[in-house]
Amino acid sequence: MIQRERIFSSFSAEDTDEAYFFYKNVLGLQVEKEEMSILTISINEGMRIIIYPKQDHVPATFTVLNIPVTDIEDAVDELSKKGVSFLQYDMPYIKTDQKGIARIENGPSQAWFTDPSKNILSLIQE
């Protein structure tokens, strides 16, 4: 049977030492380094994300992690000061401003960036 309370997500990284520094020190998440260079990010109430090393890592072309924020402007400014560069999009269905924030009509504001392994992450304000 499916153990719903134990479901977790995972994705790969080229260098889990770099990923550990980024997720812990830049994003401020609770990250533990496990055996075999596997990282565990604790989210809440036992929910977790696993980042595992993969030498032939190819980053996904989609968002692998959405991070809710209460104020997207402040969050983008804070991460920009830490060296994070936000992606720019100019497509019919999504356009970002100079800071990299998409303000979707009747939807959330969102800003995308990459981790050291080029995995796409986003900040999202409902």
C-alpha atoms as a PDB file:
ATOM      1  CA  MET A   1       0.000   0.000   0.000  1.00  0.00           C
ATOM      2  CA  ILE A   2       1.071   3.573  -0.591  1.00  0.00           C
ATOM      3  CA  GLN A   3       2.478   5.252   2.515  1.00  0.00           C
ATOM      4  CA  ARG A   4       1.196   8.778   1.865  1.00  0.00           C
ATOM      5  CA  GLU A   5       2.897  10.268   4.905  1.00  0.00           C
ATOM      6  CA  ARG A   6       6.301   9.158   3.575  1.00  0.00           C
ATOM      7  CA  ILE A   7       6.063  10.508   0.005  1.00  0.00           C
ATOM      8  CA  PHE A   8       9.022  12.680  -1.001  1.00  0.00           C
ATOM      9  CA  SER A   9      10.470  14.346  -4.054  1.00  0.00           C
ATOM     10  CA  SER A  10      14.026  14.119  -5.370  1.00  0.00           C
ATOM     11  CA  PHE A  11      16.301  15.503  -8.065  1.00  0.00           C
ATOM     12  CA  SER A  12      19.981  15.301  -8.937  1.00  0.00           C
ATOM     13  CA  ALA A  13      22.950  17.646  -8.682  1.00  0.00           C
ATOM     14  CA  GLU A  14      26.406  17.575 -10.221  1.00  0.00           C
ATOM     15  CA  ASP A  15      28.108  18.513  -6.951  1.00  0.00           C
ATOM     16  CA  THR A  16      26.265  17.966  -3.686  1.00  0.00           C
ATOM     17  CA  ASP A  17      28.845  19.992  -1.725  1.00  0.00           C
ATOM     18  CA  GLU A  18      27.950  23.027  -3.851  1.00  0.00           C
ATOM     19  CA  ALA A  19      24.269  22.171  -3.525  1.00  0.00           C
ATOM     20  CA  TYR A  20      24.600  21.855   0.262  1.00  0.00           C
ATOM     21  CA  PHE A  21      26.145  25.343   0.535  1.00  0.00           C
ATOM     22  CA  PHE A  22      23.543  26.872  -1.808  1.00  0.00           C
ATOM     23  CA  TYR A  23      20.431  25.365  -0.236  1.00  0.00           C
ATOM     24  CA  LYS A  24      21.648  25.887   3.358  1.00  0.00           C
ATOM     25  CA  ASN A  25      23.470  29.238   3.195  1.00  0.00           C
ATOM     26  CA  VAL A  26      21.927  31.052   0.234  1.00  0.00           C
ATOM     27  CA  LEU A  27      18.323  29.837   0.514  1.00  0.00           C
ATOM     28  CA  GLY A  28      18.423  29.242   4.286  1.00  0.00           C
ATOM     29  CA  LEU A  29      16.779  25.815   4.172  1.00  0.00           C
ATOM     30  CA  GLN A  30      17.307  23.026   6.695  1.00  0.00           C
ATOM     31  CA  VAL A  31      19.701  20.669   4.891  1.00  0.00           C
ATOM     32  CA  GLU A  32      21.385  17.518   6.192  1.00  0.00           C
ATOM     33  CA  LYS A  33      24.241  15.690   4.493  1.00  0.00           C
ATOM     34  CA  GLU A  34      23.650  11.925   4.505  1.00  0.00           C
ATOM     35  CA  GLU A  35      25.698   8.901   3.459  1.00  0.00           C
ATOM     36  CA  MET A  36      26.907   8.720  -0.151  1.00  0.00           C
ATOM     37  CA  SER A  37      26.707  12.542  -0.494  1.00  0.00           C
ATOM     38  CA  ILE A  38      22.902  12.546  -0.459  1.00  0.00           C
ATOM     39  CA  LEU A  39      21.271  15.716   0.847  1.00  0.00           C
ATOM     40  CA  THR A  40      17.950  15.860   2.670  1.00  0.00           C
ATOM     41  CA  ILE A  41      16.027  19.127   2.811  1.00  0.00           C
ATOM     42  CA  SER A  42      13.425  19.074   5.583  1.00  0.00           C
ATOM     43  CA  ILE A  43      10.317  21.019   4.666  1.00  0.00           C
ATOM     44  CA  ASN A  44       7.706  20.558   7.398  1.00  0.00           C
ATOM     45  CA  GLU A  45       5.984  17.831   9.374  1.00  0.00           C
ATOM     46  CA  GLY A  46       8.312  15.132   8.039  1.00  0.00           C
ATOM     47  CA  MET A  47       8.109  16.190   4.398  1.00  0.00           C
ATOM     48  CA  ARG A  48      11.454  16.185   2.642  1.00  0.00           C
ATOM     49  CA  ILE A  49      13.291  16.599  -0.624  1.00  0.00           C
ATOM     50  CA  ILE A  50      16.281  14.453  -1.538  1.00  0.00           C
ATOM     51  CA  ILE A  51      19.136  15.753  -3.694  1.00  0.00           C
ATOM     52  CA  TYR A  52      21.420  13.004  -4.928  1.00  0.00           C
ATOM     53  CA  PRO A  53      24.749  13.212  -6.777  1.00  0.00           C
ATOM     54  CA  LYS A  54      24.817  12.291 -10.452  1.00  0.00           C
ATOM     55  CA  GLN A  55      27.978  12.666 -12.520  1.00  0.00           C
ATOM     56  CA  ASP A  56      26.140  12.870 -15.836  1.00  0.00           C
ATOM     57  CA  HIS A  57      23.509  15.233 -14.375  1.00  0.00           C
ATOM     58  CA  VAL A  58      21.345  17.015 -16.922  1.00  0.00           C
ATOM     59  CA  PRO A  59      19.193  19.758 -15.420  1.00  0.00           C
ATOM     60  CA  ALA A  60      15.472  19.589 -16.014  1.00  0.00           C
ATOM     61  CA  THR A  61      13.911  22.103 -18.394  1.00  0.00           C
ATOM     62  CA  PHE A  62      11.116  22.736 -15.908  1.00  0.00           C
ATOM     63  CA  THR A  63      10.811  23.986 -12.329  1.00  0.00           C
ATOM     64  CA  VAL A  64      11.865  21.297  -9.835  1.00  0.00           C
ATOM     65  CA  LEU A  65      11.156  23.283  -6.655  1.00  0.00           C
ATOM     66  CA  ASN A  66       8.719  26.128  -5.892  1.00  0.00           C
ATOM     67  CA  ILE A  67       9.447  28.158  -2.767  1.00  0.00           C
ATOM     68  CA  PRO A  68       6.487  30.131  -1.367  1.00  0.00           C
ATOM     69  CA  VAL A  69       7.317  33.632  -0.091  1.00  0.00           C
ATOM     70  CA  THR A  70       5.219  36.321   1.584  1.00  0.00           C
ATOM     71  CA  ASP A  71       6.836  39.208  -0.330  1.00  0.00           C
ATOM     72  CA  ILE A  72       8.390  38.337  -3.690  1.00  0.00           C
ATOM     73  CA  GLU A  73      10.048  41.753  -4.102  1.00  0.00           C
ATOM     74  CA  ASP A  74      11.908  41.392  -0.798  1.00  0.00           C
ATOM     75  CA  ALA A  75      12.819  37.762  -1.484  1.00  0.00           C
ATOM     76  CA  VAL A  76      14.213  38.575  -4.950  1.00  0.00           C
ATOM     77  CA  ASP A  77      16.198  41.505  -3.523  1.00  0.00           C
ATOM     78  CA  GLU A  78      17.594  39.371  -0.686  1.00  0.00           C
ATOM     79  CA  LEU A  79      18.675  36.523  -2.971  1.00  0.00           C
ATOM     80  CA  SER A  80      20.076  38.953  -5.556  1.00  0.00           C
ATOM     81  CA  LYS A  81      22.336  40.387  -2.830  1.00  0.00           C
ATOM     82  CA  LYS A  82      23.586  36.825  -2.243  1.00  0.00           C
ATOM     83  CA  GLY A  83      24.537  36.467  -5.923  1.00  0.00           C
ATOM     84  CA  VAL A  84      21.451  34.728  -7.281  1.00  0.00           C
ATOM     85  CA  SER A  85      20.586  35.729 -10.856  1.00  0.00           C
ATOM     86  CA  PHE A  86      16.956  35.541 -11.859  1.00  0.00           C
ATOM     87  CA  LEU A  87      15.895  34.200 -15.247  1.00  0.00           C
ATOM     88  CA  GLN A  88      14.266  36.457 -17.801  1.00  0.00           C
ATOM     89  CA  TYR A  89      11.288  35.322 -19.864  1.00  0.00           C
ATOM     90  CA  ASP A  90       9.565  37.140 -22.723  1.00  0.00           C
ATOM     91  CA  MET A  91       6.985  34.713 -24.061  1.00  0.00           C
ATOM     92  CA  PRO A  92       3.335  35.219 -24.969  1.00  0.00           C
ATOM     93  CA  TYR A  93       2.164  33.550 -21.771  1.00  0.00           C
ATOM     94  CA  ILE A  94       4.884  34.720 -19.357  1.00  0.00           C
ATOM     95  CA  LYS A  95       6.947  37.895 -19.168  1.00  0.00           C
ATOM     96  CA  THR A  96       9.291  38.929 -16.387  1.00  0.00           C
ATOM     97  CA  ASP A  97      10.237  42.442 -15.340  1.00  0.00           C
ATOM     98  CA  GLN A  98      13.828  43.672 -14.927  1.00  0.00           C
ATOM     99  CA  LYS A  99      14.098  41.911 -11.551  1.00  0.00           C
ATOM    100  CA  GLY A 100      12.914  38.635 -13.077  1.00  0.00           C
ATOM    101  CA  ILE A 101       9.434  38.692 -11.558  1.00  0.00           C
ATOM    102  CA  ALA A 102       6.416  37.559 -13.578  1.00  0.00           C
ATOM    103  CA  ARG A 103       3.210  39.152 -12.397  1.00  0.00           C
ATOM    104  CA  ILE A 104       0.551  36.823 -13.717  1.00  0.00           C
ATOM    105  CA  GLU A 105      -2.908  38.354 -13.998  1.00  0.00           C
ATOM    106  CA  ASN A 106      -5.298  36.535 -11.666  1.00  0.00           C
ATOM    107  CA  GLY A 107      -2.423  34.298 -10.577  1.00  0.00           C
ATOM    108  CA  PRO A 108       0.685  34.229  -8.437  1.00  0.00           C
ATOM    109  CA  SER A 109       3.783  36.358  -8.878  1.00  0.00           C
ATOM    110  CA  GLN A 110       6.761  34.163  -9.639  1.00  0.00           C
ATOM    111  CA  ALA A 111      10.534  34.511 -10.161  1.00  0.00           C
ATOM    112  CA  TRP A 112      12.744  31.718 -11.500  1.00  0.00           C
ATOM    113  CA  PHE A 113      16.438  31.066 -10.875  1.00  0.00           C
ATOM    114  CA  THR A 114      18.843  28.120 -10.954  1.00  0.00           C
ATOM    115  CA  ASP A 115      20.889  26.291  -8.366  1.00  0.00           C
ATOM    116  CA  PRO A 116      24.606  25.535  -8.951  1.00  0.00           C
ATOM    117  CA  SER A 117      23.639  22.459 -11.045  1.00  0.00           C
ATOM    118  CA  LYS A 118      21.288  24.568 -13.214  1.00  0.00           C
ATOM    119  CA  ASN A 119      18.116  23.018 -11.766  1.00  0.00           C
ATOM    120  CA  ILE A 120      15.286  25.531 -12.130  1.00  0.00           C
ATOM    121  CA  LEU A 121      13.727  26.792  -8.897  1.00  0.00           C
ATOM    122  CA  SER A 122      11.167  29.505  -8.291  1.00  0.00           C
ATOM    123  CA  LEU A 123       9.942  31.908  -5.694  1.00  0.00           C
ATOM    124  CA  ILE A 124       6.170  32.150  -5.717  1.00  0.00           C
ATOM    125  CA  GLN A 125       3.831  34.576  -3.987  1.00  0.00           C
ATOM    126  CA  GLU A 126       0.169  33.595  -4.053  1.00  0.00           C
END
